[in-house]
Protein backbone atom coordinates (compact mmCIF):
# COMPACT_ATOMS: atom_id res chain seq x y z
CA MET A 1 78.96 -19.00 -39.93
CA ALA A 2 76.23 -18.49 -42.52
CA LYS A 3 75.11 -15.03 -43.57
CA LEU A 4 72.16 -13.66 -45.45
CA LYS A 5 72.49 -12.38 -49.00
CA LEU A 6 70.67 -9.07 -48.63
CA ASN A 7 71.79 -6.76 -51.49
CA MET A 8 69.12 -4.25 -50.46
CA SER A 9 71.01 -1.38 -52.12
CA ARG A 10 70.24 -2.89 -55.51
CA MET A 11 66.49 -3.15 -54.95
CA ASN A 12 63.98 -0.50 -55.99
CA PRO A 13 61.09 0.46 -53.66
CA ALA A 14 58.68 -2.05 -55.19
CA GLN A 15 61.20 -4.86 -54.77
CA LEU A 16 61.90 -3.87 -51.16
CA ILE A 17 58.16 -3.92 -50.38
CA ALA A 18 57.76 -7.29 -52.10
CA LYS A 19 60.65 -8.69 -50.08
CA ALA A 20 59.03 -7.47 -46.83
CA ASP A 21 55.71 -9.06 -47.85
CA LEU A 22 57.57 -12.33 -48.41
CA THR A 23 59.64 -12.37 -45.22
CA LEU A 24 57.23 -10.93 -42.60
CA PRO A 25 54.82 -13.91 -42.62
CA LYS A 26 57.82 -16.20 -42.19
CA ILE A 27 59.59 -14.23 -39.44
CA ALA A 28 56.44 -13.47 -37.46
CA PRO A 29 53.81 -16.04 -38.50
CA ASP A 30 50.35 -16.09 -37.04
CA ALA A 31 49.81 -18.41 -34.06
CA PRO A 32 50.01 -21.30 -33.57
CA ALA A 33 52.86 -21.42 -36.13
CA THR A 34 56.34 -21.19 -34.64
CA PRO A 35 58.75 -18.58 -36.04
CA PRO A 36 62.02 -19.97 -37.40
CA VAL A 37 63.99 -17.51 -35.25
CA PRO A 38 62.76 -16.47 -31.76
CA ASN A 39 62.87 -12.99 -30.24
CA MET A 40 62.16 -11.22 -33.56
CA VAL A 41 58.75 -9.78 -32.67
CA ALA A 42 59.97 -6.24 -32.05
CA ARG A 43 62.09 -6.27 -35.19
CA ALA A 44 59.16 -7.63 -37.20
CA VAL A 45 56.97 -4.76 -35.94
CA ALA A 46 59.63 -2.25 -36.99
CA LEU A 47 60.00 -3.91 -40.39
CA LYS A 48 56.21 -3.92 -40.88
CA ALA A 49 55.98 -0.22 -40.00
CA ALA A 50 58.78 0.66 -42.41
CA ARG A 51 57.14 -1.52 -45.09
CA ASP A 52 53.76 0.19 -44.66
CA LYS A 53 55.27 3.68 -44.89
CA ALA A 54 57.34 2.72 -47.94
CA LYS A 55 54.23 1.23 -49.58
CA ALA A 56 52.17 4.36 -48.94
CA ASP A 57 54.90 6.66 -50.26
CA ASN A 58 55.54 4.45 -53.29
CA ASP A 59 51.82 4.31 -54.12
CA ALA A 60 51.65 8.10 -53.87
CA TYR A 61 54.68 8.42 -56.14
CA GLU A 62 53.25 6.05 -58.76
CA ALA A 63 49.92 7.89 -58.70
CA ALA A 64 51.76 11.19 -59.16
CA LYS A 65 53.65 9.75 -62.13
CA VAL A 66 50.36 8.82 -63.79
CA GLY A 67 49.09 12.32 -63.16
CA LEU A 68 52.28 13.85 -64.51
CA ARG A 69 52.03 11.69 -67.62
CA SER A 70 48.50 12.93 -68.24
CA LEU A 71 49.60 16.52 -67.64
CA LYS A 72 52.50 16.09 -70.07
CA GLU A 73 50.21 14.63 -72.74
CA ALA A 74 47.77 17.51 -72.25
CA ARG A 75 50.63 20.03 -72.39
CA ASP A 76 52.06 18.52 -75.57
CA SER A 77 48.64 18.37 -77.22
CA SER A 78 47.93 22.00 -76.38
CA ALA A 79 51.35 23.01 -77.68
CA ASP A 80 50.72 21.16 -80.94
CA GLU A 81 47.39 22.93 -81.33
CA LEU A 82 48.98 26.31 -80.62
CA ARG A 83 51.80 25.56 -83.08
CA LEU A 84 49.21 24.79 -85.75
CA GLU A 85 47.32 28.00 -85.03
CA HIS A 86 50.58 29.98 -85.29
CA ASN A 87 51.23 28.47 -88.72
CA VAL A 88 47.67 29.12 -89.90
CA MET A 89 47.85 32.68 -88.58
CA GLY A 90 51.13 33.23 -90.40
CA LEU A 91 49.66 32.04 -93.70
CA ALA A 92 46.59 34.22 -93.20
CA LEU A 93 48.74 37.29 -92.43
CA GLU A 94 50.88 36.68 -95.50
CA ALA A 95 47.78 36.34 -97.67
CA GLU A 96 46.02 39.40 -96.22
CA THR A 97 49.09 41.65 -96.53
CA ARG A 98 50.13 40.14 -99.87
CA GLY A 99 53.58 39.69 -98.40
CA ASP A 100 54.07 43.37 -97.49
CA PRO A 101 57.21 43.33 -95.29
CA ILE A 102 56.27 46.54 -93.46
CA ALA A 103 52.86 45.23 -92.45
CA LEU A 104 54.24 41.79 -91.57
CA SER A 105 57.02 43.26 -89.42
CA ALA A 106 54.35 44.90 -87.24
CA THR A 107 52.61 41.58 -86.43
CA GLY A 108 55.04 40.37 -83.76
CA TYR A 109 56.28 37.51 -85.94
CA ASP A 110 59.84 37.44 -87.27
CA LEU A 111 60.40 38.03 -90.97
CA ALA A 112 62.06 35.23 -92.90
CA ASP A 113 65.32 35.99 -94.64
CA ASP A 114 64.59 36.85 -98.28
CA ASN A 115 67.41 35.17 -100.15
CA THR A 116 65.26 33.85 -102.97
CA THR A 117 64.62 35.02 -106.49
CA PRO A 118 61.16 36.59 -106.87
CA LEU A 119 58.64 33.99 -108.02
CA GLY A 120 56.48 34.31 -111.08
CA ALA A 121 52.77 33.58 -111.31
CA PRO A 122 51.65 30.20 -109.93
CA GLU A 123 51.68 27.29 -112.32
CA LYS A 124 48.73 25.04 -113.12
CA ILE A 125 47.56 23.16 -110.04
CA GLU A 126 48.51 19.49 -110.12
CA ASN A 127 47.05 16.37 -108.49
CA PHE A 128 43.67 17.95 -107.72
CA ARG A 129 41.53 15.34 -105.97
CA LEU A 130 38.06 15.03 -104.41
CA SER A 131 36.92 12.40 -101.92
CA ALA A 132 33.82 11.74 -99.86
CA GLY A 133 33.58 13.92 -96.75
CA ASP A 134 32.76 12.67 -93.28
CA ASP A 135 29.27 14.21 -93.40
CA PRO A 136 26.53 13.69 -96.02
CA GLY A 137 26.56 16.45 -98.62
CA SER A 138 30.28 17.18 -98.24
CA LEU A 139 33.43 16.55 -100.27
CA ASP A 140 37.05 16.86 -99.19
CA GLY A 141 39.61 18.14 -101.67
CA SER A 142 43.37 18.43 -101.96
CA PHE A 143 46.06 19.37 -104.47
CA ASP A 144 49.78 20.01 -104.68
CA PRO A 145 50.74 23.42 -103.24
CA ASP A 146 52.62 26.01 -105.29
CA ASP A 147 55.36 28.11 -103.68
CA ALA A 148 54.37 31.10 -105.83
CA ALA A 149 50.78 31.12 -104.51
CA TYR A 150 49.76 32.98 -101.37
CA VAL A 151 46.09 31.98 -101.73
CA TYR A 152 44.06 29.48 -103.75
CA GLU A 153 40.75 30.18 -105.45
CA LEU A 154 38.22 27.34 -105.68
CA GLN A 155 35.19 26.83 -107.92
CA PHE A 156 32.67 24.07 -108.50
CA THR A 157 29.81 23.33 -110.89
CA THR A 158 27.04 20.78 -111.10
CA VAL A 159 26.19 21.65 -114.71
CA ASP A 160 29.01 21.57 -117.26
CA PRO A 161 32.78 21.33 -116.56
CA ILE A 162 33.52 23.08 -119.86
CA LYS A 163 30.97 25.88 -120.07
CA GLY A 164 29.97 26.14 -116.42
CA PRO A 165 28.55 28.17 -114.86
CA TRP A 166 31.13 27.90 -112.06
CA GLU A 167 30.34 28.91 -108.49
CA ASN A 168 33.04 30.48 -106.33
CA CYS A 169 33.99 28.87 -103.01
CA PRO A 170 35.79 30.57 -100.11
CA SER A 171 39.47 30.96 -100.93
CA THR A 172 42.03 29.05 -98.89
CA THR A 173 45.68 29.54 -97.97
CA VAL A 174 46.34 25.81 -97.73
CA SER A 175 46.09 23.00 -100.28
CA VAL A 176 43.27 21.13 -98.56
CA PHE A 177 39.62 22.18 -98.40
CA ARG A 178 36.05 20.97 -97.83
CA LEU A 179 32.91 21.60 -99.88
CA THR A 180 29.71 21.49 -97.82
CA ASN A 181 25.96 21.93 -98.24
CA LEU A 182 25.99 19.92 -101.47
CA THR A 183 23.16 17.65 -102.63
CA SER A 184 23.77 13.96 -101.93
CA GLY A 185 23.80 11.87 -105.12
CA GLN A 186 24.63 14.85 -107.34
CA ARG A 187 27.72 14.94 -109.54
CA VAL A 188 30.07 17.83 -108.84
CA TRP A 189 33.09 19.12 -110.75
CA ALA A 190 35.65 21.26 -108.92
CA ARG A 191 38.86 23.11 -109.80
CA ALA A 192 41.44 25.41 -108.21
CA ARG A 193 44.08 27.95 -109.15
CA GLY A 194 46.84 29.69 -107.25
CA VAL A 195 47.13 33.45 -106.87
CA GLY A 196 50.52 35.06 -106.20
CA THR A 197 52.21 38.44 -106.33
CA LYS A 198 52.51 38.08 -110.11
CA GLY A 199 48.83 37.31 -110.62
CA ALA A 200 46.70 34.18 -110.90
CA GLY A 201 47.81 30.93 -112.44
CA PRO A 202 45.69 28.77 -114.77
CA TRP A 203 42.80 26.70 -113.46
CA SER A 204 43.46 23.05 -112.72
CA ASP A 205 41.77 20.31 -114.66
CA ALA A 206 38.26 19.75 -113.35
CA TYR A 207 37.90 16.76 -111.04
CA THR A 208 34.50 15.12 -110.60
CA LYS A 209 32.90 13.17 -107.77
CA ILE A 210 29.41 12.02 -106.76
CA VAL A 211 28.37 13.70 -103.51
CA PRO A 212 27.82 11.09 -100.76
């Protein structure tokens, strides 16, 4: 006696639904077609009802998964932004307090273990670079950070990179910055130096760029 190879336990919901969509038209075909096996109308109705419920629940589950994926992406993005703000806040607190452990211990952040030898004054800034900014009249800059610096001073001139005069820019606690409100087509020279607990380091070599 022949038997059917069902193996339904190995099928996922989508496969079970697809199998029902394949078999129902064969078991209970529309008139005037003749079904291959008689007396299966009631069973076909039950199978169709179970198929419809499984399809509705599976669709709801898949829609929820899409929603959960979007929620996870939003959660992770917000966490990344908050992590960045924590790091920026920490650098700002260190710069503002000049590394005073008493003041820093009152901020709610943990103090790092101090197992290092005190650093001297920052060294000369290396790899100072300028590039065109995204907006007209702006330049983006970067340089190698110095562990001995808690803040960086920036200057630029449009006159003479040797004699100046140099104009001060807002200081930064990170080794990237942006110069804005410049005149497009004008040549600009810029430089930076690090400032630490042992004083300021030497100015970097001046780097020049035409303002876009």
